[in-house]
PDB file of N, CA and C in Angstrom:
ATOM      1  N   MET A   1     -24.072   2.276  27.477  1.00  0.00           N
ATOM      2  CA  MET A   1     -24.292   2.960  26.221  1.00  0.00           C
ATOM      3  C   MET A   1     -22.924   3.304  25.614  1.00  0.00           C
ATOM      4  N   SER A   2     -22.777   3.076  24.327  1.00  0.00           N
ATOM      5  CA  SER A   2     -21.495   3.350  23.684  1.00  0.00           C
ATOM      6  C   SER A   2     -21.358   4.827  23.339  1.00  0.00           C
ATOM      7  N   LYS A   3     -20.098   5.230  23.224  1.00  0.00           N
ATOM      8  CA  LYS A   3     -19.800   6.629  22.907  1.00  0.00           C
ATOM      9  C   LYS A   3     -20.071   6.908  21.428  1.00  0.00           C
ATOM     10  N   SER A   4     -20.353   8.146  21.164  1.00  0.00           N
ATOM     11  CA  SER A   4     -20.455   8.612  19.790  1.00  0.00           C
ATOM     12  C   SER A   4     -19.044   8.805  19.253  1.00  0.00           C
ATOM     13  N   ILE A   5     -18.863   8.696  17.965  1.00  0.00           N
ATOM     14  CA  ILE A   5     -17.549   8.921  17.362  1.00  0.00           C
ATOM     15  C   ILE A   5     -17.053  10.324  17.681  1.00  0.00           C
ATOM     16  N   ARG A   6     -17.939  11.283  17.678  1.00  0.00           N
ATOM     17  CA  ARG A   6     -17.505  12.657  17.967  1.00  0.00           C
ATOM     18  C   ARG A   6     -17.031  12.821  19.407  1.00  0.00           C
ATOM     19  N   ASP A   7     -17.389  11.869  20.302  1.00  0.00           N
ATOM     20  CA  ASP A   7     -16.966  11.925  21.704  1.00  0.00           C
ATOM     21  C   ASP A   7     -15.626  11.234  21.946  1.00  0.00           C
ATOM     22  N   LEU A   8     -15.089  10.542  20.939  1.00  0.00           N
ATOM     23  CA  LEU A   8     -13.825   9.834  21.120  1.00  0.00           C
ATOM     24  C   LEU A   8     -12.663  10.816  21.165  1.00  0.00           C
ATOM     25  N   ARG A   9     -11.684  10.461  21.930  1.00  0.00           N
ATOM     26  CA  ARG A   9     -10.464  11.269  21.961  1.00  0.00           C
ATOM     27  C   ARG A   9      -9.766  11.127  20.618  1.00  0.00           C
ATOM     28  N   PRO A  10      -9.036  12.156  20.197  1.00  0.00           N
ATOM     29  CA  PRO A  10      -8.367  12.111  18.888  1.00  0.00           C
ATOM     30  C   PRO A  10      -7.482  10.877  18.708  1.00  0.00           C
ATOM     31  N   LYS A  11      -6.746  10.482  19.733  1.00  0.00           N
ATOM     32  CA  LYS A  11      -5.869   9.310  19.607  1.00  0.00           C
ATOM     33  C   LYS A  11      -6.685   8.033  19.396  1.00  0.00           C
ATOM     34  N   ALA A  12      -7.769   7.877  20.130  1.00  0.00           N
ATOM     35  CA  ALA A  12      -8.626   6.703  19.974  1.00  0.00           C
ATOM     36  C   ALA A  12      -9.234   6.673  18.574  1.00  0.00           C
ATOM     37  N   LEU A  13      -9.634   7.830  18.091  1.00  0.00           N
ATOM     38  CA  LEU A  13     -10.214   7.919  16.753  1.00  0.00           C
ATOM     39  C   LEU A  13      -9.185   7.570  15.683  1.00  0.00           C
ATOM     40  N   ARG A  14      -7.958   8.077  15.848  1.00  0.00           N
ATOM     41  CA  ARG A  14      -6.880   7.741  14.891  1.00  0.00           C
ATOM     42  C   ARG A  14      -6.574   6.253  14.922  1.00  0.00           C
ATOM     43  N   ASN A  15      -6.541   5.651  16.117  1.00  0.00           N
ATOM     44  CA  ASN A  15      -6.262   4.212  16.223  1.00  0.00           C
ATOM     45  C   ASN A  15      -7.361   3.386  15.560  1.00  0.00           C
ATOM     46  N   ALA A  16      -8.612   3.779  15.776  1.00  0.00           N
ATOM     47  CA  ALA A  16      -9.729   3.063  15.151  1.00  0.00           C
ATOM     48  C   ALA A  16      -9.658   3.175  13.631  1.00  0.00           C
ATOM     49  N   ALA A  17      -9.376   4.368  13.147  1.00  0.00           N
ATOM     50  CA  ALA A  17      -9.277   4.574  11.700  1.00  0.00           C
ATOM     51  C   ALA A  17      -8.121   3.772  11.107  1.00  0.00           C
ATOM     52  N   ALA A  18      -6.998   3.704  11.818  1.00  0.00           N
ATOM     53  CA  ALA A  18      -5.847   2.938  11.332  1.00  0.00           C
ATOM     54  C   ALA A  18      -6.179   1.456  11.255  1.00  0.00           C
ATOM     55  N   LEU A  19      -6.896   0.932  12.243  1.00  0.00           N
ATOM     56  CA  LEU A  19      -7.284  -0.483  12.227  1.00  0.00           C
ATOM     57  C   LEU A  19      -8.217  -0.761  11.051  1.00  0.00           C
ATOM     58  N   ILE A  20      -9.201   0.092  10.860  1.00  0.00           N
ATOM     59  CA  ILE A  20     -10.147  -0.093   9.754  1.00  0.00           C
ATOM     60  C   ILE A  20      -9.421  -0.003   8.416  1.00  0.00           C
ATOM     61  N   LYS A  21      -8.523   0.957   8.288  1.00  0.00           N
ATOM     62  CA  LYS A  21      -7.764   1.110   7.039  1.00  0.00           C
ATOM     63  C   LYS A  21      -6.891  -0.115   6.782  1.00  0.00           C
ATOM     64  N   CYS A  22      -6.248  -0.625   7.823  1.00  0.00           N
ATOM     65  CA  CYS A  22      -5.384  -1.793   7.672  1.00  0.00           C
ATOM     66  C   CYS A  22      -6.183  -3.013   7.220  1.00  0.00           C
ATOM     67  N   ILE A  23      -7.323  -3.223   7.823  1.00  0.00           N
ATOM     68  CA  ILE A  23      -8.133  -4.402   7.510  1.00  0.00           C
ATOM     69  C   ILE A  23      -8.895  -4.224   6.203  1.00  0.00           C
ATOM     70  N   GLY A  24      -9.158  -2.974   5.816  1.00  0.00           N
ATOM     71  CA  GLY A  24     -10.054  -2.665   4.715  1.00  0.00           C
ATOM     72  C   GLY A  24      -9.525  -2.917   3.321  1.00  0.00           C
ATOM     73  N   HIS A  25      -9.014  -4.069   3.065  1.00  0.00           N
ATOM     74  CA  HIS A  25      -8.574  -4.474   1.728  1.00  0.00           C
ATOM     75  C   HIS A  25      -9.163  -5.858   1.476  1.00  0.00           C
ATOM     76  N   PRO A  26      -9.709  -6.117   0.288  1.00  0.00           N
ATOM     77  CA  PRO A  26     -10.351  -7.406   0.048  1.00  0.00           C
ATOM     78  C   PRO A  26      -9.486  -8.628   0.383  1.00  0.00           C
ATOM     79  N   LEU A  27      -8.223  -8.613  -0.001  1.00  0.00           N
ATOM     80  CA  LEU A  27      -7.385  -9.783   0.297  1.00  0.00           C
ATOM     81  C   LEU A  27      -7.095  -9.878   1.793  1.00  0.00           C
ATOM     82  N   ARG A  28      -6.902  -8.762   2.457  1.00  0.00           N
ATOM     83  CA  ARG A  28      -6.664  -8.817   3.902  1.00  0.00           C
ATOM     84  C   ARG A  28      -7.901  -9.332   4.625  1.00  0.00           C
ATOM     85  N   LEU A  29      -9.085  -8.966   4.162  1.00  0.00           N
ATOM     86  CA  LEU A  29     -10.312  -9.512   4.756  1.00  0.00           C
ATOM     87  C   LEU A  29     -10.385 -11.024   4.545  1.00  0.00           C
ATOM     88  N   ARG A  30     -10.031 -11.487   3.353  1.00  0.00           N
ATOM     89  CA  ARG A  30     -10.037 -12.937   3.095  1.00  0.00           C
ATOM     90  C   ARG A  30      -8.986 -13.645   3.937  1.00  0.00           C
ATOM     91  N   ILE A  31      -7.825 -13.036   4.111  1.00  0.00           N
ATOM     92  CA  ILE A  31      -6.775 -13.622   4.946  1.00  0.00           C
ATOM     93  C   ILE A  31      -7.270 -13.749   6.387  1.00  0.00           C
ATOM     94  N   LEU A  32      -7.869 -12.701   6.902  1.00  0.00           N
ATOM     95  CA  LEU A  32      -8.378 -12.768   8.270  1.00  0.00           C
ATOM     96  C   LEU A  32      -9.469 -13.814   8.413  1.00  0.00           C
ATOM     97  N   GLU A  33     -10.310 -13.918   7.410  1.00  0.00           N
ATOM     98  CA  GLU A  33     -11.348 -14.947   7.462  1.00  0.00           C
ATOM     99  C   GLU A  33     -10.718 -16.338   7.486  1.00  0.00           C
ATOM    100  N   ALA A  34      -9.641 -16.527   6.734  1.00  0.00           N
ATOM    101  CA  ALA A  34      -8.940 -17.815   6.745  1.00  0.00           C
ATOM    102  C   ALA A  34      -8.338 -18.098   8.116  1.00  0.00           C
ATOM    103  N   LEU A  35      -7.949 -17.051   8.831  1.00  0.00           N
ATOM    104  CA  LEU A  35      -7.326 -17.219  10.141  1.00  0.00           C
ATOM    105  C   LEU A  35      -8.337 -17.314  11.283  1.00  0.00           C
ATOM    106  N   GLU A  36      -9.601 -17.128  10.994  1.00  0.00           N
ATOM    107  CA  GLU A  36     -10.616 -17.207  12.055  1.00  0.00           C
ATOM    108  C   GLU A  36     -10.656 -18.590  12.713  1.00  0.00           C
ATOM    109  N   ASP A  37     -10.293 -19.618  11.978  1.00  0.00           N
ATOM    110  CA  ASP A  37     -10.340 -20.983  12.516  1.00  0.00           C
ATOM    111  C   ASP A  37      -9.121 -21.314  13.367  1.00  0.00           C
ATOM    112  N   GLY A  38      -8.192 -20.390  13.496  1.00  0.00           N
ATOM    113  CA  GLY A  38      -6.983 -20.634  14.280  1.00  0.00           C
ATOM    114  C   GLY A  38      -5.758 -20.443  13.422  1.00  0.00           C
ATOM    115  N   GLU A  39      -4.608 -20.726  14.018  1.00  0.00           N
ATOM    116  CA  GLU A  39      -3.363 -20.451  13.312  1.00  0.00           C
ATOM    117  C   GLU A  39      -3.225 -21.288  12.051  1.00  0.00           C
ATOM    118  N   GLN A  40      -2.635 -20.649  11.049  1.00  0.00           N
ATOM    119  CA  GLN A  40      -2.461 -21.267   9.734  1.00  0.00           C
ATOM    120  C   GLN A  40      -1.071 -20.928   9.205  1.00  0.00           C
ATOM    121  N   THR A  41      -0.527 -21.821   8.404  1.00  0.00           N
ATOM    122  CA  THR A  41       0.724 -21.511   7.717  1.00  0.00           C
ATOM    123  C   THR A  41       0.421 -20.569   6.553  1.00  0.00           C
ATOM    124  N   VAL A  42       1.469 -19.936   6.050  1.00  0.00           N
ATOM    125  CA  VAL A  42       1.310 -19.050   4.899  1.00  0.00           C
ATOM    126  C   VAL A  42       0.740 -19.837   3.727  1.00  0.00           C
ATOM    127  N   SER A  43       1.224 -21.054   3.514  1.00  0.00           N
ATOM    128  CA  SER A  43       0.717 -21.841   2.378  1.00  0.00           C
ATOM    129  C   SER A  43      -0.753 -22.224   2.572  1.00  0.00           C
ATOM    130  N   ALA A  44      -1.167 -22.471   3.811  1.00  0.00           N
ATOM    131  CA  ALA A  44      -2.584 -22.770   4.050  1.00  0.00           C
ATOM    132  C   ALA A  44      -3.436 -21.531   3.779  1.00  0.00           C
ATOM    133  N   VAL A  45      -2.955 -20.363   4.193  1.00  0.00           N
ATOM    134  CA  VAL A  45      -3.677 -19.115   3.928  1.00  0.00           C
ATOM    135  C   VAL A  45      -3.739 -18.873   2.428  1.00  0.00           C
ATOM    136  N   GLN A  46      -2.642 -19.129   1.752  1.00  0.00           N
ATOM    137  CA  GLN A  46      -2.596 -18.970   0.297  1.00  0.00           C
ATOM    138  C   GLN A  46      -3.633 -19.874  -0.366  1.00  0.00           C
ATOM    139  N   GLU A  47      -3.683 -21.118   0.066  1.00  0.00           N
ATOM    140  CA  GLU A  47      -4.636 -22.074  -0.504  1.00  0.00           C
ATOM    141  C   GLU A  47      -6.074 -21.647  -0.229  1.00  0.00           C
ATOM    142  N   ARG A  48      -6.347 -21.194   0.976  1.00  0.00           N
ATOM    143  CA  ARG A  48      -7.711 -20.822   1.352  1.00  0.00           C
ATOM    144  C   ARG A  48      -8.170 -19.531   0.676  1.00  0.00           C
ATOM    145  N   THR A  49      -7.243 -18.644   0.357  1.00  0.00           N
ATOM    146  CA  THR A  49      -7.635 -17.373  -0.273  1.00  0.00           C
ATOM    147  C   THR A  49      -7.543 -17.415  -1.794  1.00  0.00           C
ATOM    148  N   GLY A  50      -6.762 -18.351  -2.319  1.00  0.00           N
ATOM    149  CA  GLY A  50      -6.558 -18.420  -3.757  1.00  0.00           C
ATOM    150  C   GLY A  50      -5.591 -17.369  -4.274  1.00  0.00           C
ATOM    151  N   ALA A  51      -4.893 -16.704  -3.368  1.00  0.00           N
ATOM    152  CA  ALA A  51      -3.961 -15.638  -3.754  1.00  0.00           C
ATOM    153  C   ALA A  51      -2.548 -16.192  -3.890  1.00  0.00           C
ATOM    154  N   GLU A  52      -1.723 -15.479  -4.616  1.00  0.00           N
ATOM    155  CA  GLU A  52      -0.325 -15.877  -4.799  1.00  0.00           C
ATOM    156  C   GLU A  52       0.457 -15.656  -3.501  1.00  0.00           C
ATOM    157  N   GLN A  53       1.483 -16.470  -3.284  1.00  0.00           N
ATOM    158  CA  GLN A  53       2.270 -16.433  -2.057  1.00  0.00           C
ATOM    159  C   GLN A  53       2.892 -15.062  -1.776  1.00  0.00           C
ATOM    160  N   PRO A  54       3.477 -14.380  -2.772  1.00  0.00           N
ATOM    161  CA  PRO A  54       4.048 -13.057  -2.468  1.00  0.00           C
ATOM    162  C   PRO A  54       2.999 -12.060  -1.957  1.00  0.00           C
ATOM    163  N   ALA A  55       1.815 -12.104  -2.527  1.00  0.00           N
ATOM    164  CA  ALA A  55       0.750 -11.193  -2.092  1.00  0.00           C
ATOM    165  C   ALA A  55       0.298 -11.530  -0.676  1.00  0.00           C
ATOM    166  N   VAL A  56       0.127 -12.815  -0.390  1.00  0.00           N
ATOM    167  CA  VAL A  56      -0.275 -13.241   0.955  1.00  0.00           C
ATOM    168  C   VAL A  56       0.771 -12.807   1.971  1.00  0.00           C
ATOM    169  N   SER A  57       2.032 -13.049   1.666  1.00  0.00           N
ATOM    170  CA  SER A  57       3.111 -12.673   2.592  1.00  0.00           C
ATOM    171  C   SER A  57       3.158 -11.168   2.817  1.00  0.00           C
ATOM    172  N   ARG A  58       2.984 -10.400   1.761  1.00  0.00           N
ATOM    173  CA  ARG A  58       3.012  -8.933   1.870  1.00  0.00           C
ATOM    174  C   ARG A  58       1.871  -8.433   2.760  1.00  0.00           C
ATOM    175  N   HIS A  59       0.674  -8.978   2.558  1.00  0.00           N
ATOM    176  CA  HIS A  59      -0.470  -8.544   3.351  1.00  0.00           C
ATOM    177  C   HIS A  59      -0.371  -9.030   4.799  1.00  0.00           C
ATOM    178  N   LEU A  60       0.136 -10.246   5.000  1.00  0.00           N
ATOM    179  CA  LEU A  60       0.346 -10.720   6.363  1.00  0.00           C
ATOM    180  C   LEU A  60       1.352  -9.840   7.091  1.00  0.00           C
ATOM    181  N   SER A  61       2.381  -9.411   6.386  1.00  0.00           N
ATOM    182  CA  SER A  61       3.385  -8.538   6.982  1.00  0.00           C
ATOM    183  C   SER A  61       2.771  -7.212   7.421  1.00  0.00           C
ATOM    184  N   LEU A  62       1.894  -6.658   6.605  1.00  0.00           N
ATOM    185  CA  LEU A  62       1.222  -5.406   6.946  1.00  0.00           C
ATOM    186  C   LEU A  62       0.301  -5.610   8.148  1.00  0.00           C
ATOM    187  N   LEU A  63      -0.454  -6.699   8.134  1.00  0.00           N
ATOM    188  CA  LEU A  63      -1.343  -6.991   9.258  1.00  0.00           C
ATOM    189  C   LEU A  63      -0.540  -7.186  10.547  1.00  0.00           C
ATOM    190  N   ARG A  64       0.600  -7.830  10.434  1.00  0.00           N
ATOM    191  CA  ARG A  64       1.469  -8.040  11.600  1.00  0.00           C
ATOM    192  C   ARG A  64       2.024  -6.709  12.103  1.00  0.00           C
ATOM    193  N   ALA A  65       2.446  -5.836  11.201  1.00  0.00           N
ATOM    194  CA  ALA A  65       2.998  -4.535  11.586  1.00  0.00           C
ATOM    195  C   ALA A  65       1.975  -3.685  12.343  1.00  0.00           C
ATOM    196  N   HIS A  66       0.699  -3.897  12.062  1.00  0.00           N
ATOM    197  CA  HIS A  66      -0.364  -3.145  12.738  1.00  0.00           C
ATOM    198  C   HIS A  66      -0.938  -3.898  13.938  1.00  0.00           C
ATOM    199  N   GLY A  67      -0.349  -5.040  14.281  1.00  0.00           N
ATOM    200  CA  GLY A  67      -0.785  -5.781  15.461  1.00  0.00           C
ATOM    201  C   GLY A  67      -2.079  -6.541  15.299  1.00  0.00           C
ATOM    202  N   VAL A  68      -2.504  -6.743  14.061  1.00  0.00           N
ATOM    203  CA  VAL A  68      -3.756  -7.451  13.813  1.00  0.00           C
ATOM    204  C   VAL A  68      -3.537  -8.959  13.866  1.00  0.00           C
ATOM    205  N   VAL A  69      -2.392  -9.413  13.388  1.00  0.00           N
ATOM    206  CA  VAL A  69      -2.035 -10.832  13.461  1.00  0.00           C
ATOM    207  C   VAL A  69      -0.673 -10.955  14.155  1.00  0.00           C
ATOM    208  N   ASP A  70      -0.406 -12.161  14.621  1.00  0.00           N
ATOM    209  CA  ASP A  70       0.907 -12.464  15.181  1.00  0.00           C
ATOM    210  C   ASP A  70       1.371 -13.758  14.537  1.00  0.00           C
ATOM    211  N   PHE A  71       2.609 -14.139  14.800  1.00  0.00           N
ATOM    212  CA  PHE A  71       3.145 -15.320  14.137  1.00  0.00           C
ATOM    213  C   PHE A  71       4.144 -16.030  15.041  1.00  0.00           C
ATOM    214  N   ARG A  72       4.426 -17.262  14.649  1.00  0.00           N
ATOM    215  CA  ARG A  72       5.496 -18.033  15.272  1.00  0.00           C
ATOM    216  C   ARG A  72       6.136 -18.886  14.193  1.00  0.00           C
ATOM    217  N   ARG A  73       7.412 -19.146  14.375  1.00  0.00           N
ATOM    218  CA  ARG A  73       8.141 -20.010  13.453  1.00  0.00           C
ATOM    219  C   ARG A  73       8.266 -21.398  14.065  1.00  0.00           C
ATOM    220  N   ASP A  74       8.132 -22.398  13.220  1.00  0.00           N
ATOM    221  CA  ASP A  74       8.345 -23.785  13.622  1.00  0.00           C
ATOM    222  C   ASP A  74       9.102 -24.444  12.475  1.00  0.00           C
ATOM    223  N   GLY A  75      10.424 -24.436  12.581  1.00  0.00           N
ATOM    224  CA  GLY A  75      11.247 -24.935  11.485  1.00  0.00           C
ATOM    225  C   GLY A  75      11.094 -24.036  10.282  1.00  0.00           C
ATOM    226  N   ALA A  76      10.738 -24.641   9.154  1.00  0.00           N
ATOM    227  CA  ALA A  76      10.572 -23.875   7.921  1.00  0.00           C
ATOM    228  C   ALA A  76       9.194 -23.225   7.819  1.00  0.00           C
ATOM    229  N   ASN A  77       8.284 -23.604   8.696  1.00  0.00           N
ATOM    230  CA  ASN A  77       6.921 -23.071   8.636  1.00  0.00           C
ATOM    231  C   ASN A  77       6.755 -21.846   9.516  1.00  0.00           C
ATOM    232  N   VAL A  78       5.942 -20.918   9.030  1.00  0.00           N
ATOM    233  CA  VAL A  78       5.545 -19.753   9.804  1.00  0.00           C
ATOM    234  C   VAL A  78       4.032 -19.838   9.964  1.00  0.00           C
ATOM    235  N   TYR A  79       3.579 -19.765  11.215  1.00  0.00           N
ATOM    236  CA  TYR A  79       2.160 -19.850  11.526  1.00  0.00           C
ATOM    237  C   TYR A  79       1.650 -18.476  11.941  1.00  0.00           C
ATOM    238  N   TYR A  80       0.500 -18.093  11.411  1.00  0.00           N
ATOM    239  CA  TYR A  80      -0.124 -16.810  11.736  1.00  0.00           C
ATOM    240  C   TYR A  80      -1.474 -17.057  12.387  1.00  0.00           C
ATOM    241  N   TRP A  81      -1.885 -16.105  13.225  1.00  0.00           N
ATOM    242  CA  TRP A  81      -3.201 -16.128  13.840  1.00  0.00           C
ATOM    243  C   TRP A  81      -3.636 -14.695  14.104  1.00  0.00           C
ATOM    244  N   ILE A  82      -4.939 -14.521  14.319  1.00  0.00           N
ATOM    245  CA  ILE A  82      -5.483 -13.198  14.625  1.00  0.00           C
ATOM    246  C   ILE A  82      -5.148 -12.867  16.078  1.00  0.00           C
ATOM    247  N   SER A  83      -4.498 -11.740  16.288  1.00  0.00           N
ATOM    248  CA  SER A  83      -4.157 -11.319  17.649  1.00  0.00           C
ATOM    249  C   SER A  83      -4.983 -10.122  18.114  1.00  0.00           C
ATOM    250  N   GLU A  84      -5.679  -9.484  17.205  1.00  0.00           N
ATOM    251  CA  GLU A  84      -6.522  -8.322  17.526  1.00  0.00           C
ATOM    252  C   GLU A  84      -7.979  -8.775  17.560  1.00  0.00           C
ATOM    253  N   PRO A  85      -8.564  -8.921  18.768  1.00  0.00           N
ATOM    254  CA  PRO A  85      -9.932  -9.442  18.857  1.00  0.00           C
ATOM    255  C   PRO A  85     -10.963  -8.614  18.099  1.00  0.00           C
ATOM    256  N   ARG A  86     -10.736  -7.306  17.984  1.00  0.00           N
ATOM    257  CA  ARG A  86     -11.703  -6.465  17.258  1.00  0.00           C
ATOM    258  C   ARG A  86     -11.748  -6.798  15.777  1.00  0.00           C
ATOM    259  N   ALA A  87     -10.714  -7.444  15.260  1.00  0.00           N
ATOM    260  CA  ALA A  87     -10.718  -7.844  13.849  1.00  0.00           C
ATOM    261  C   ALA A  87     -11.848  -8.826  13.575  1.00  0.00           C
ATOM    262  N   ARG A  88     -12.115  -9.706  14.517  1.00  0.00           N
ATOM    263  CA  ARG A  88     -13.218 -10.673  14.353  1.00  0.00           C
ATOM    264  C   ARG A  88     -14.565  -9.949  14.308  1.00  0.00           C
ATOM    265  N   MET A  89     -14.712  -8.926  15.132  1.00  0.00           N
ATOM    266  CA  MET A  89     -15.960  -8.155  15.124  1.00  0.00           C
ATOM    267  C   MET A  89     -16.129  -7.420  13.806  1.00  0.00           C
ATOM    268  N   ILE A  90     -15.041  -6.889  13.271  1.00  0.00           N
ATOM    269  CA  ILE A  90     -15.105  -6.193  11.987  1.00  0.00           C
ATOM    270  C   ILE A  90     -15.476  -7.178  10.882  1.00  0.00           C
ATOM    271  N   LEU A  91     -14.898  -8.386  10.901  1.00  0.00           N
ATOM    272  CA  LEU A  91     -15.254  -9.400   9.899  1.00  0.00           C
ATOM    273  C   LEU A  91     -16.741  -9.725   9.959  1.00  0.00           C
ATOM    274  N   GLU A  92     -17.267  -9.885  11.160  1.00  0.00           N
ATOM    275  CA  GLU A  92     -18.688 -10.195  11.304  1.00  0.00           C
ATOM    276  C   GLU A  92     -19.546  -9.053  10.775  1.00  0.00           C
ATOM    277  N   THR A  93     -19.150  -7.829  11.032  1.00  0.00           N
ATOM    278  CA  THR A  93     -19.877  -6.666  10.525  1.00  0.00           C
ATOM    279  C   THR A  93     -19.849  -6.643   8.998  1.00  0.00           C
ATOM    280  N   VAL A  94     -18.690  -6.943   8.409  1.00  0.00           N
ATOM    281  CA  VAL A  94     -18.562  -6.982   6.941  1.00  0.00           C
ATOM    282  C   VAL A  94     -19.481  -8.056   6.369  1.00  0.00           C
ATOM    283  N   ARG A  95     -19.507  -9.237   7.007  1.00  0.00           N
ATOM    284  CA  ARG A  95     -20.385 -10.319   6.518  1.00  0.00           C
ATOM    285  C   ARG A  95     -21.858  -9.908   6.592  1.00  0.00           C
ATOM    286  N   GLN A  96     -22.252  -9.294   7.711  1.00  0.00           N
ATOM    287  CA  GLN A  96     -23.647  -8.862   7.853  1.00  0.00           C
ATOM    288  C   GLN A  96     -24.007  -7.825   6.794  1.00  0.00           C
ATOM    289  N   GLU A  97     -23.113  -6.887   6.557  1.00  0.00           N
ATOM    290  CA  GLU A  97     -23.360  -5.852   5.553  1.00  0.00           C
ATOM    291  C   GLU A  97     -23.475  -6.467   4.159  1.00  0.00           C
ATOM    292  N   ALA A  98     -22.598  -7.416   3.862  1.00  0.00           N
ATOM    293  CA  ALA A  98     -22.622  -8.077   2.550  1.00  0.00           C
ATOM    294  C   ALA A  98     -23.935  -8.829   2.358  1.00  0.00           C
ATOM    295  N   GLU A  99     -24.401  -9.502   3.398  1.00  0.00           N
ATOM    296  CA  GLU A  99     -25.670 -10.234   3.310  1.00  0.00           C
ATOM    297  C   GLU A  99     -26.821  -9.268   3.031  1.00  0.00           C
ATOM    298  N   GLU A 100     -26.820  -8.130   3.717  1.00  0.00           N
ATOM    299  CA  GLU A 100     -27.893  -7.160   3.516  1.00  0.00           C
ATOM    300  C   GLU A 100     -27.856  -6.557   2.117  1.00  0.00           C
ATOM    301  N   LEU A 101     -26.665  -6.325   1.597  1.00  0.00           N
ATOM    302  CA  LEU A 101     -26.529  -5.759   0.257  1.00  0.00           C
ATOM    303  C   LEU A 101     -26.968  -6.742  -0.813  1.00  0.00           C
ATOM    304  N   GLU A 102     -26.747  -8.043  -0.559  1.00  0.00           N
ATOM    305  CA  GLU A 102     -27.102  -9.064  -1.544  1.00  0.00           C
ATOM    306  C   GLU A 102     -28.577  -9.425  -1.485  1.00  0.00           C
ATOM    307  N   ALA A 103     -29.255  -9.056  -0.399  1.00  0.00           N
ATOM    308  CA  ALA A 103     -30.678  -9.431  -0.226  1.00  0.00           C
ATOM    309  C   ALA A 103     -31.577  -8.610  -1.116  1.00  0.00           C
TER     310      ALA A 103
END
């Protein structure tokens, strides 16, 4: 049985809230969805989200700072992937909620 939110320790609650806040932006959600298929270059993420490169880079940087994504360099390319497994669960929850709202 899972714990109630009121039963969480303050640090755990702050960490959960920080993760939700970090992910909780429409473009960051689209970026994470683009990364669900595996590592992608910034330009591939840009193409898949339809967002401008500076915005994609800024949001990827924020996601990286919070440990949600990680990256590697290969020459001129930078590849990103989801490193926080709970991010995938949050994406699935967002999709389910969106489906219910649209029904």
